[in-house]
Amino acid sequence: MNRPRMTPSPLAARDTPLPTPRLPGAALSLAALAAAPLAVFAPLALAPLLALLAAVLLAARPGAAWAEMRAQGGLFALLALLSLWAAITALWSPVPPHSLFEALRFLALSAAGLLVLGTAAALGDEDAARTGRALLAGIAVAVLLLLLDRWDDDLLVRAIDRIPAAQFVPPARYDRGVTVLLLLAWPAAALLAARRRWLGLAVLAVAIALPVFAWASHTCKLAVVLAVSATLLAARLPRLVARLLLAGVVLGAFVLPLAAPGGAGIAAIQRRLPELPGSAIHRLAIWRFTGDAIARRPLLGWGMDAARALPGGQTPVHRLFPEIAIGPEAQALPLHPHDAALQWRLELGLPGALLGLALLVLVLERLAGGRAPRWPRALALGYAAAALTVALLSFGAWQAWWLSTLWLGAALLARLGRPDDAATFPRSTAAAPPPRASGR
């Protein structure tokens, strides 16, 4: 049997894709088309999107679902172990039913993500080209709708969120959507770079920069700078970039709980850097409170997603740290620590933090040490840099929409960055030269 020679993917364990039926390819194309517009106006819908996509793939290929997950090897095992430990922490969590539910949901999301990742990596050339076009179209629609909404007094957001015309729409309303747009830009960039569409790559960069620098938070802007820098550096030194990213997470998990400044230190920073936004000052106070909570339960943690129920978490910051000038609505720990590594330590203790780090080591080592071409590998590490920057400064580690975004972006990047199907994009496969085959 003859099989085309494929370029390995930096994100998927399987280097040679299996033939994929048409339904999975169509489902992935529809998900790629819908992801960016959904993220902008209904970002929480990304979790149902991943679940629906996984359900369709499971129904289309029930016999292959287990094989797709097992193909990821160590990644599957570590995610299962992390889910198991998270479920065990419900035994001492202040909110046991919630912790158990979140552990089971994390396991389900991981299974769905692995299935989507494996299926995407196995896409044939024609389906991959169609999925790439769908992703670019979805990003274009999302950016266009964002610009129209800005010029038209947030008309669409007001209609979706039922915000009265007289009420101000804060720019933070778009943070989730613009962050997803930024992450989806990496598989789109990998697609264009693999096919040497340099003009298209420049247009994509401008299209993503417009919403990021017009709406997004400082975290998202920092993610752009660090991700672009990581991509350029990874083109020459991929292992160095992987180690730097890992070092940042280690610092967040083990150094930040000890080094976060107290009230007097935060106040001194506020005096020296008055241009810092209030959100940054609030973040420092959250990290100090979280570090103190970790010190009370350093080994086993407080329980999966129990940050929202920690004693004293709803205390106003100005009461806890009277030296800080901050509004009365700022709480010591609202929902989560705004740092994924810190959240691992706080909620899952030392075992959870070590499992999380092992998971990250496996992913980064696969990205940096694989046999993928230089630029797909560099863009994959840039995607990791963007995702980690946001994870260490912004959203909750277990939020379903956020995890679903990471899985969807990784799945698209795993296939679209491979240059083996360049001849089929955007031309039809009928015009493509026949693949090089090896007899068997």
Protein backbone atom coordinates (compact mmCIF):
# COMPACT_ATOMS: atom_id res chain seq x y z
CA MET A 1 0.00 0.00 0.00
CA ASN A 2 1.34 3.43 -0.95
CA ARG A 3 1.08 6.23 1.56
CA PRO A 4 2.14 9.88 1.06
CA ARG A 5 5.15 11.09 3.02
CA MET A 6 4.02 13.69 5.57
CA THR A 7 5.90 16.39 7.44
CA PRO A 8 5.61 15.76 11.18
CA SER A 9 3.49 18.05 13.32
CA PRO A 10 5.05 19.71 16.36
CA LEU A 11 1.86 19.31 18.42
CA ALA A 12 0.68 15.79 17.68
CA ALA A 13 2.35 12.54 18.62
CA ARG A 14 1.36 10.83 15.37
CA ASP A 15 3.58 11.93 12.48
CA THR A 16 1.74 10.07 9.69
CA PRO A 17 -1.96 10.89 9.52
CA LEU A 18 -4.51 8.20 8.86
CA PRO A 19 -7.19 8.61 6.19
CA THR A 20 -10.01 10.75 7.58
CA PRO A 21 -13.65 10.44 6.50
CA ARG A 22 -15.35 13.53 5.12
CA LEU A 23 -17.63 14.20 8.11
CA PRO A 24 -14.78 14.88 10.57
CA GLY A 25 -13.14 17.21 8.06
CA ALA A 26 -16.38 19.10 7.55
CA ALA A 27 -16.97 19.33 11.31
CA LEU A 28 -13.49 20.72 11.91
CA SER A 29 -13.99 23.25 9.12
CA LEU A 30 -17.27 24.45 10.63
CA ALA A 31 -15.66 24.72 14.08
CA ALA A 32 -12.74 26.71 12.61
CA LEU A 33 -15.19 29.04 10.89
CA ALA A 34 -17.34 29.58 14.00
CA ALA A 35 -14.65 29.85 16.69
CA ALA A 36 -13.50 33.47 16.19
CA PRO A 37 -16.96 35.10 15.74
CA LEU A 38 -18.31 33.12 18.70
CA ALA A 39 -15.37 34.17 20.84
CA VAL A 40 -15.93 37.85 20.16
CA PHE A 41 -19.61 37.96 21.04
CA ALA A 42 -20.27 34.81 23.12
CA PRO A 43 -16.89 33.49 24.33
CA LEU A 44 -18.43 31.06 26.83
CA ALA A 45 -19.91 29.21 23.84
CA LEU A 46 -16.44 27.89 22.94
CA ALA A 47 -16.82 25.11 25.53
CA PRO A 48 -20.05 23.80 23.95
CA LEU A 49 -18.40 24.17 20.55
CA LEU A 50 -15.53 21.86 21.57
CA ALA A 51 -17.95 19.41 23.18
CA LEU A 52 -20.19 19.34 20.10
CA LEU A 53 -17.20 18.92 17.81
CA ALA A 54 -15.88 16.02 19.91
CA ALA A 55 -19.34 14.41 19.94
CA VAL A 56 -19.58 14.60 16.15
CA LEU A 57 -16.10 13.13 15.74
CA LEU A 58 -16.92 10.37 18.21
CA ALA A 59 -20.15 9.54 16.38
CA ALA A 60 -18.42 9.58 13.00
CA ARG A 61 -15.54 7.34 14.08
CA PRO A 62 -16.48 5.53 17.31
CA GLY A 63 -13.85 2.85 16.84
CA ALA A 64 -11.06 5.39 16.37
CA ALA A 65 -11.81 7.67 19.34
CA TRP A 66 -9.87 5.62 21.88
CA ALA A 67 -6.98 5.21 19.43
CA GLU A 68 -6.86 9.00 18.86
CA MET A 69 -6.51 9.62 22.60
CA ARG A 70 -4.03 6.80 23.16
CA ALA A 71 -1.93 8.11 20.27
CA GLN A 72 -1.06 11.10 22.48
CA GLY A 73 0.70 8.74 24.92
CA GLY A 74 2.18 10.58 27.88
CA LEU A 75 -0.11 13.57 27.40
CA PHE A 76 -3.14 11.34 27.91
CA ALA A 77 -1.64 9.72 31.01
CA LEU A 78 -0.67 13.01 32.67
CA LEU A 79 -4.06 14.59 32.04
CA ALA A 80 -5.76 11.52 33.50
CA LEU A 81 -3.51 11.63 36.59
CA LEU A 82 -4.11 15.35 37.05
CA SER A 83 -7.88 14.79 36.81
CA LEU A 84 -7.68 11.94 39.33
CA TRP A 85 -5.70 14.01 41.82
CA ALA A 86 -8.09 16.94 41.34
CA ALA A 87 -11.01 14.62 42.17
CA ILE A 88 -9.22 13.35 45.29
CA THR A 89 -8.77 16.92 46.57
CA ALA A 90 -12.55 17.16 46.83
CA LEU A 91 -12.16 15.16 50.07
CA TRP A 92 -10.76 18.22 51.89
CA SER A 93 -12.11 21.02 49.73
CA PRO A 94 -14.38 23.65 51.35
CA VAL A 95 -16.74 23.02 48.40
CA PRO A 96 -16.53 19.23 47.81
CA PRO A 97 -19.33 18.84 45.21
CA HIS A 98 -18.00 21.74 43.18
CA SER A 99 -14.42 20.42 43.30
CA LEU A 100 -15.51 16.96 42.18
CA PHE A 101 -17.61 18.41 39.37
CA GLU A 102 -14.72 20.55 38.14
CA ALA A 103 -12.35 17.58 38.23
CA LEU A 104 -14.76 15.50 36.14
CA ARG A 105 -15.32 18.40 33.76
CA PHE A 106 -11.58 18.85 33.35
CA LEU A 107 -11.29 15.14 32.49
CA ALA A 108 -14.09 15.43 29.94
CA LEU A 109 -12.55 18.53 28.37
CA SER A 110 -9.18 16.81 28.19
CA ALA A 111 -10.69 13.77 26.47
CA ALA A 112 -12.55 15.99 24.01
CA GLY A 113 -9.42 18.04 23.35
CA LEU A 114 -7.26 14.98 22.74
CA LEU A 115 -9.86 13.58 20.35
CA VAL A 116 -10.04 16.85 18.39
CA LEU A 117 -6.23 17.19 18.38
CA GLY A 118 -5.74 13.64 17.10
CA THR A 119 -8.40 14.00 14.42
CA ALA A 120 -7.05 17.34 13.24
CA ALA A 121 -3.52 15.91 12.98
CA ALA A 122 -4.93 13.11 10.79
CA LEU A 123 -6.70 15.37 8.30
CA GLY A 124 -6.01 14.74 4.66
CA ASP A 125 -4.74 17.47 2.39
CA GLU A 126 -8.11 18.53 0.99
CA ASP A 127 -9.80 18.70 4.41
CA ALA A 128 -6.82 20.58 5.87
CA ALA A 129 -6.99 23.17 3.08
CA ARG A 130 -10.73 23.60 3.62
CA THR A 131 -10.24 23.96 7.38
CA GLY A 132 -7.53 26.57 6.81
CA ARG A 133 -9.77 28.64 4.56
CA ALA A 134 -12.57 28.38 7.12
CA LEU A 135 -10.28 29.60 9.91
CA LEU A 136 -9.15 32.62 7.89
CA ALA A 137 -12.74 33.42 6.96
CA GLY A 138 -13.85 33.18 10.60
CA ILE A 139 -11.07 35.52 11.74
CA ALA A 140 -11.96 38.00 8.99
CA VAL A 141 -15.64 37.96 9.98
CA ALA A 142 -14.79 38.42 13.67
CA VAL A 143 -12.47 41.37 13.04
CA LEU A 144 -14.97 43.00 10.68
CA LEU A 145 -17.80 42.64 13.22
CA LEU A 146 -15.56 44.05 15.96
CA LEU A 147 -14.72 47.11 13.88
CA LEU A 148 -18.35 47.65 12.90
CA ASP A 149 -19.40 47.34 16.52
CA ARG A 150 -16.85 49.92 17.60
CA TRP A 151 -17.98 52.37 14.93
CA ASP A 152 -21.65 51.77 15.73
CA ASP A 153 -21.70 52.31 19.52
CA ASP A 154 -21.33 48.60 20.42
CA LEU A 155 -24.62 47.80 18.73
CA LEU A 156 -24.13 44.03 18.52
CA VAL A 157 -22.82 43.63 22.06
CA ARG A 158 -25.67 45.73 23.41
CA ALA A 159 -28.16 43.50 21.62
CA ILE A 160 -26.53 40.27 22.79
CA ASP A 161 -25.95 41.36 26.41
CA ARG A 162 -29.14 43.49 26.58
CA ILE A 163 -27.22 46.60 27.59
CA PRO A 164 -29.29 49.82 27.45
CA ALA A 165 -28.17 52.51 25.02
CA ALA A 166 -27.41 54.92 27.87
CA GLN A 167 -25.12 52.45 29.65
CA PHE A 168 -21.37 52.43 28.97
CA VAL A 169 -19.88 49.22 27.53
CA PRO A 170 -16.45 48.73 29.15
CA PRO A 171 -13.61 47.66 26.83
CA ALA A 172 -13.02 44.70 29.16
CA ARG A 173 -16.20 43.17 27.71
CA TYR A 174 -14.12 42.26 24.64
CA ASP A 175 -11.07 40.87 26.49
CA ARG A 176 -12.00 37.21 26.14
CA GLY A 177 -12.90 37.50 22.48
CA VAL A 178 -9.80 39.44 21.49
CA THR A 179 -7.62 37.01 23.45
CA VAL A 180 -9.12 34.10 21.50
CA LEU A 181 -8.55 36.00 18.26
CA LEU A 182 -4.89 36.41 19.22
CA LEU A 183 -4.48 32.68 19.89
CA LEU A 184 -6.27 31.66 16.70
CA ALA A 185 -3.93 33.95 14.77
CA TRP A 186 -1.05 31.51 15.34
CA PRO A 187 -2.49 28.53 13.44
CA ALA A 188 -3.66 30.99 10.77
CA ALA A 189 -0.13 32.42 10.57
CA ALA A 190 1.33 28.92 10.42
CA LEU A 191 -1.01 28.11 7.55
CA LEU A 192 0.07 31.17 5.56
CA ALA A 193 3.76 30.81 6.38
CA ALA A 194 3.80 27.16 5.32
CA ARG A 195 2.44 28.22 1.93
CA ARG A 196 4.62 31.34 1.66
CA ARG A 197 1.64 33.68 1.51
CA TRP A 198 3.65 36.62 2.88
CA LEU A 199 1.19 39.31 1.87
CA GLY A 200 -1.62 37.37 3.51
CA LEU A 201 0.51 37.01 6.64
CA ALA A 202 1.05 40.78 6.76
CA VAL A 203 -2.69 41.40 6.34
CA LEU A 204 -3.41 38.92 9.15
CA ALA A 205 -0.93 40.67 11.46
CA VAL A 206 -2.57 44.06 10.86
CA ALA A 207 -6.07 42.60 11.24
CA ILE A 208 -5.22 41.06 14.62
CA ALA A 209 -3.27 44.10 15.84
CA LEU A 210 -6.29 46.39 15.34
CA PRO A 211 -8.55 44.77 17.98
CA VAL A 212 -5.69 43.80 20.29
CA PHE A 213 -4.40 47.35 20.65
CA ALA A 214 -7.82 49.01 20.43
CA TRP A 215 -9.70 46.89 22.98
CA ALA A 216 -7.60 44.30 24.72
CA SER A 217 -6.12 44.34 28.19
CA HIS A 218 -2.48 45.00 28.99
CA THR A 219 -2.07 41.24 29.41
CA CYS A 220 -3.13 40.59 25.82
CA LYS A 221 -0.80 43.28 24.51
CA LEU A 222 2.07 41.84 26.52
CA ALA A 223 1.21 38.40 25.12
CA VAL A 224 1.59 39.76 21.57
CA VAL A 225 5.05 41.14 22.30
CA LEU A 226 6.30 38.04 24.10
CA ALA A 227 4.78 35.61 21.59
CA VAL A 228 6.29 37.39 18.58
CA SER A 229 9.66 37.54 20.35
CA ALA A 230 9.43 33.85 21.26
CA THR A 231 8.59 32.92 17.67
CA LEU A 232 11.56 34.80 16.25
CA LEU A 233 13.93 33.39 18.85
CA ALA A 234 12.54 29.86 18.48
CA ALA A 235 13.37 29.89 14.78
CA ARG A 236 17.02 29.65 15.86
CA LEU A 237 16.94 28.41 19.47
CA PRO A 238 13.75 26.41 20.09
CA ARG A 239 15.02 24.61 23.17
CA LEU A 240 16.06 27.87 24.81
CA VAL A 241 12.55 29.27 24.28
CA ALA A 242 11.01 26.12 25.74
CA ARG A 243 13.23 26.39 28.83
CA LEU A 244 12.44 30.08 29.29
CA LEU A 245 8.72 29.35 29.14
CA LEU A 246 9.06 26.54 31.65
CA ALA A 247 11.12 28.78 33.93
CA GLY A 248 8.33 31.37 33.93
CA VAL A 249 5.83 28.77 35.11
CA VAL A 250 8.20 27.44 37.78
CA LEU A 251 8.64 30.98 39.09
CA GLY A 252 4.87 31.41 39.20
CA ALA A 253 4.33 28.14 41.08
CA PHE A 254 7.19 28.19 43.57
CA VAL A 255 8.76 31.66 43.80
CA LEU A 256 5.78 34.00 43.47
CA PRO A 257 4.02 32.67 46.61
CA LEU A 258 7.11 33.67 48.62
CA ALA A 259 8.18 36.79 46.73
CA ALA A 260 4.84 38.58 46.20
CA PRO A 261 5.06 41.90 48.09
CA GLY A 262 2.87 42.70 51.07
CA GLY A 263 0.78 45.80 51.63
CA ALA A 264 3.74 48.12 52.26
CA GLY A 265 5.62 46.78 49.24
CA ILE A 266 2.62 47.16 46.97
CA ALA A 267 2.07 50.70 48.20
CA ALA A 268 5.72 51.52 47.46
CA ILE A 269 5.32 50.16 43.92
CA GLN A 270 2.17 52.23 43.53
CA ARG A 271 4.01 55.40 44.57
CA ARG A 272 6.98 54.75 42.28
CA LEU A 273 4.86 53.73 39.28
CA PRO A 274 1.68 55.79 39.44
CA GLU A 275 0.96 54.96 35.79
CA LEU A 276 0.24 51.31 36.70
CA PRO A 277 -3.45 50.52 36.22
CA GLY A 278 -5.54 49.63 39.23
CA SER A 279 -5.91 46.07 37.90
CA ALA A 280 -2.15 45.54 38.24
CA ILE A 281 -2.17 46.75 41.84
CA HIS A 282 -5.15 44.53 42.57
CA ARG A 283 -3.31 41.57 41.00
CA LEU A 284 -0.35 42.06 43.36
CA ALA A 285 -2.70 42.06 46.35
CA ILE A 286 -4.39 38.88 45.08
CA TRP A 287 -1.02 37.15 44.71
CA ARG A 288 0.02 38.12 48.24
CA PHE A 289 -3.21 36.79 49.71
CA THR A 290 -2.85 33.60 47.63
CA GLY A 291 0.75 33.11 48.78
CA ASP A 292 -0.38 33.35 52.41
CA ALA A 293 -3.14 30.81 51.73
CA ILE A 294 -0.62 28.41 50.13
CA ALA A 295 1.57 28.69 53.23
CA ARG A 296 -1.35 27.43 55.33
CA ARG A 297 -1.77 24.30 53.16
CA PRO A 298 1.53 23.87 51.31
CA LEU A 299 1.34 20.14 50.59
CA LEU A 300 -2.20 19.11 49.63
CA GLY A 301 -3.75 22.45 48.71
CA TRP A 302 -7.31 23.64 49.27
CA GLY A 303 -9.10 21.57 46.64
CA MET A 304 -9.92 21.75 42.95
CA ASP A 305 -11.26 25.21 42.00
CA ALA A 306 -11.71 26.06 45.68
CA ALA A 307 -10.12 29.52 45.38
CA ARG A 308 -13.60 31.05 45.17
CA ALA A 309 -14.44 29.64 48.61
CA LEU A 310 -11.26 30.38 50.58
CA PRO A 311 -11.77 31.92 54.02
CA GLY A 312 -11.24 35.66 53.76
CA GLY A 313 -11.21 35.70 49.97
CA GLN A 314 -14.06 38.19 49.79
CA THR A 315 -12.39 40.61 52.19
CA PRO A 316 -11.93 44.05 50.58
CA VAL A 317 -8.28 44.67 49.73
CA HIS A 318 -8.29 48.09 51.41
CA ARG A 319 -9.14 46.39 54.72
CA LEU A 320 -6.54 43.67 54.33
CA PHE A 321 -3.84 46.08 53.11
CA PRO A 322 -4.82 49.61 54.24
CA GLU A 323 -1.59 51.02 52.79
CA ILE A 324 -2.85 50.45 49.23
CA ALA A 325 -4.97 53.04 47.46
CA ILE A 326 -7.62 50.91 45.76
CA GLY A 327 -11.38 50.95 45.29
CA PRO A 328 -13.69 49.35 47.86
CA GLU A 329 -14.99 46.77 45.36
CA ALA A 330 -11.57 45.03 45.01
CA GLN A 331 -11.57 41.71 46.89
CA ALA A 332 -8.60 39.75 48.23
CA LEU A 333 -9.33 36.73 46.02
CA PRO A 334 -12.21 37.09 43.54
CA LEU A 335 -12.86 33.61 42.05
CA HIS A 336 -9.25 32.71 41.13
CA PRO A 337 -5.66 33.99 41.57
CA HIS A 338 -5.25 35.24 37.97
CA ASP A 339 -2.19 33.01 37.61
CA ALA A 340 -2.49 29.39 36.51
CA ALA A 341 0.73 28.21 38.19
CA LEU A 342 -0.28 29.89 41.43
CA GLN A 343 -3.72 28.30 41.15
CA TRP A 344 -2.16 24.85 40.76
CA ARG A 345 -0.23 25.34 44.02
CA LEU A 346 -3.14 26.89 45.86
CA GLU A 347 -5.79 24.33 44.94
CA LEU A 348 -3.94 21.10 44.07
CA GLY A 349 -0.93 21.52 46.34
CA LEU A 350 2.52 20.18 45.57
CA PRO A 351 1.36 17.03 43.70
CA GLY A 352 -0.90 19.05 41.40
CA ALA A 353 1.80 21.63 40.70
CA LEU A 354 4.32 18.91 39.85
CA LEU A 355 1.82 17.16 37.56
CA GLY A 356 1.07 20.46 35.84
CA LEU A 357 4.77 21.12 35.34
CA ALA A 358 5.32 17.59 34.01
CA LEU A 359 2.51 18.17 31.52
CA LEU A 360 4.08 21.44 30.42
CA VAL A 361 7.56 19.85 30.11
CA LEU A 362 6.13 17.14 27.87
CA VAL A 363 4.36 19.63 25.59
CA LEU A 364 7.28 22.05 25.35
CA GLU A 365 9.77 19.25 24.76
CA ARG A 366 7.60 17.90 21.97
CA LEU A 367 7.38 21.35 20.40
CA ALA A 368 11.08 22.17 20.70
CA GLY A 369 12.54 18.75 19.98
CA GLY A 370 10.31 17.46 17.21
CA ARG A 371 11.24 16.97 13.57
CA ALA A 372 8.92 19.68 12.30
CA PRO A 373 10.30 22.35 9.93
CA ARG A 374 11.76 25.47 11.52
CA TRP A 375 8.92 27.95 11.14
CA PRO A 376 6.01 25.64 12.07
CA ARG A 377 7.98 24.70 15.19
CA ALA A 378 8.74 28.36 15.97
CA LEU A 379 5.10 29.36 15.53
CA ALA A 380 3.99 26.51 17.79
CA LEU A 381 6.33 27.80 20.50
CA GLY A 382 5.02 31.32 19.88
CA TYR A 383 1.50 30.01 20.44
CA ALA A 384 2.69 28.44 23.70
CA ALA A 385 4.24 31.77 24.75
CA ALA A 386 1.01 33.66 24.06
CA ALA A 387 -1.10 31.08 25.89
CA LEU A 388 1.20 30.97 28.91
CA THR A 389 1.42 34.75 29.18
CA VAL A 390 -2.35 35.00 29.37
CA ALA A 391 -2.61 31.96 31.68
CA LEU A 392 -0.08 33.41 34.14
CA LEU A 393 -1.69 36.85 34.30
CA SER A 394 -5.36 36.60 33.55
CA PHE A 395 -8.04 33.91 33.39
CA GLY A 396 -8.82 31.02 35.73
CA ALA A 397 -6.88 27.83 35.08
CA TRP A 398 -9.99 25.61 34.89
CA GLN A 399 -12.42 27.85 33.00
CA ALA A 400 -14.05 25.66 30.36
CA TRP A 401 -14.09 28.30 27.60
CA TRP A 402 -10.38 28.99 28.17
CA LEU A 403 -9.33 25.33 28.09
CA SER A 404 -11.51 24.80 25.01
CA THR A 405 -9.76 27.71 23.30
CA LEU A 406 -6.35 26.17 23.99
CA TRP A 407 -7.43 22.79 22.63
CA LEU A 408 -8.98 24.26 19.48
CA GLY A 409 -5.93 26.41 18.78
CA ALA A 410 -3.54 23.50 19.37
CA ALA A 411 -5.57 21.18 17.13
CA LEU A 412 -5.60 23.68 14.25
CA LEU A 413 -1.92 24.45 14.69
CA ALA A 414 -1.06 20.73 14.68
CA ARG A 415 -2.25 20.34 11.11
CA LEU A 416 -2.36 23.71 9.39
CA GLY A 417 1.32 24.46 9.93
CA ARG A 418 2.45 21.43 7.94
CA PRO A 419 3.68 22.45 4.50
CA ASP A 420 3.03 19.06 2.88
CA ASP A 421 -0.29 20.15 1.39
CA ALA A 422 0.93 23.53 0.09
CA ALA A 423 0.04 22.57 -3.47
CA THR A 424 -3.61 22.13 -2.52
CA PHE A 425 -4.10 25.58 -0.98
CA PRO A 426 -5.89 27.53 -2.25
CA ARG A 427 -6.06 25.58 -5.51
CA SER A 428 -8.13 22.43 -5.84
CA THR A 429 -6.61 19.04 -5.19
CA ALA A 430 -7.26 18.04 -8.76
CA ALA A 431 -4.55 20.44 -9.87
CA ALA A 432 -2.07 19.35 -7.22
CA PRO A 433 0.95 17.26 -8.15
CA PRO A 434 0.75 13.65 -6.97
CA PRO A 435 2.28 12.99 -3.53
CA ARG A 436 5.63 11.35 -3.28
CA ALA A 437 5.01 7.75 -2.23
CA SER A 438 7.09 5.01 -0.72
CA GLY A 439 6.29 1.39 -1.56
CA ARG A 440 5.55 -1.13 1.10
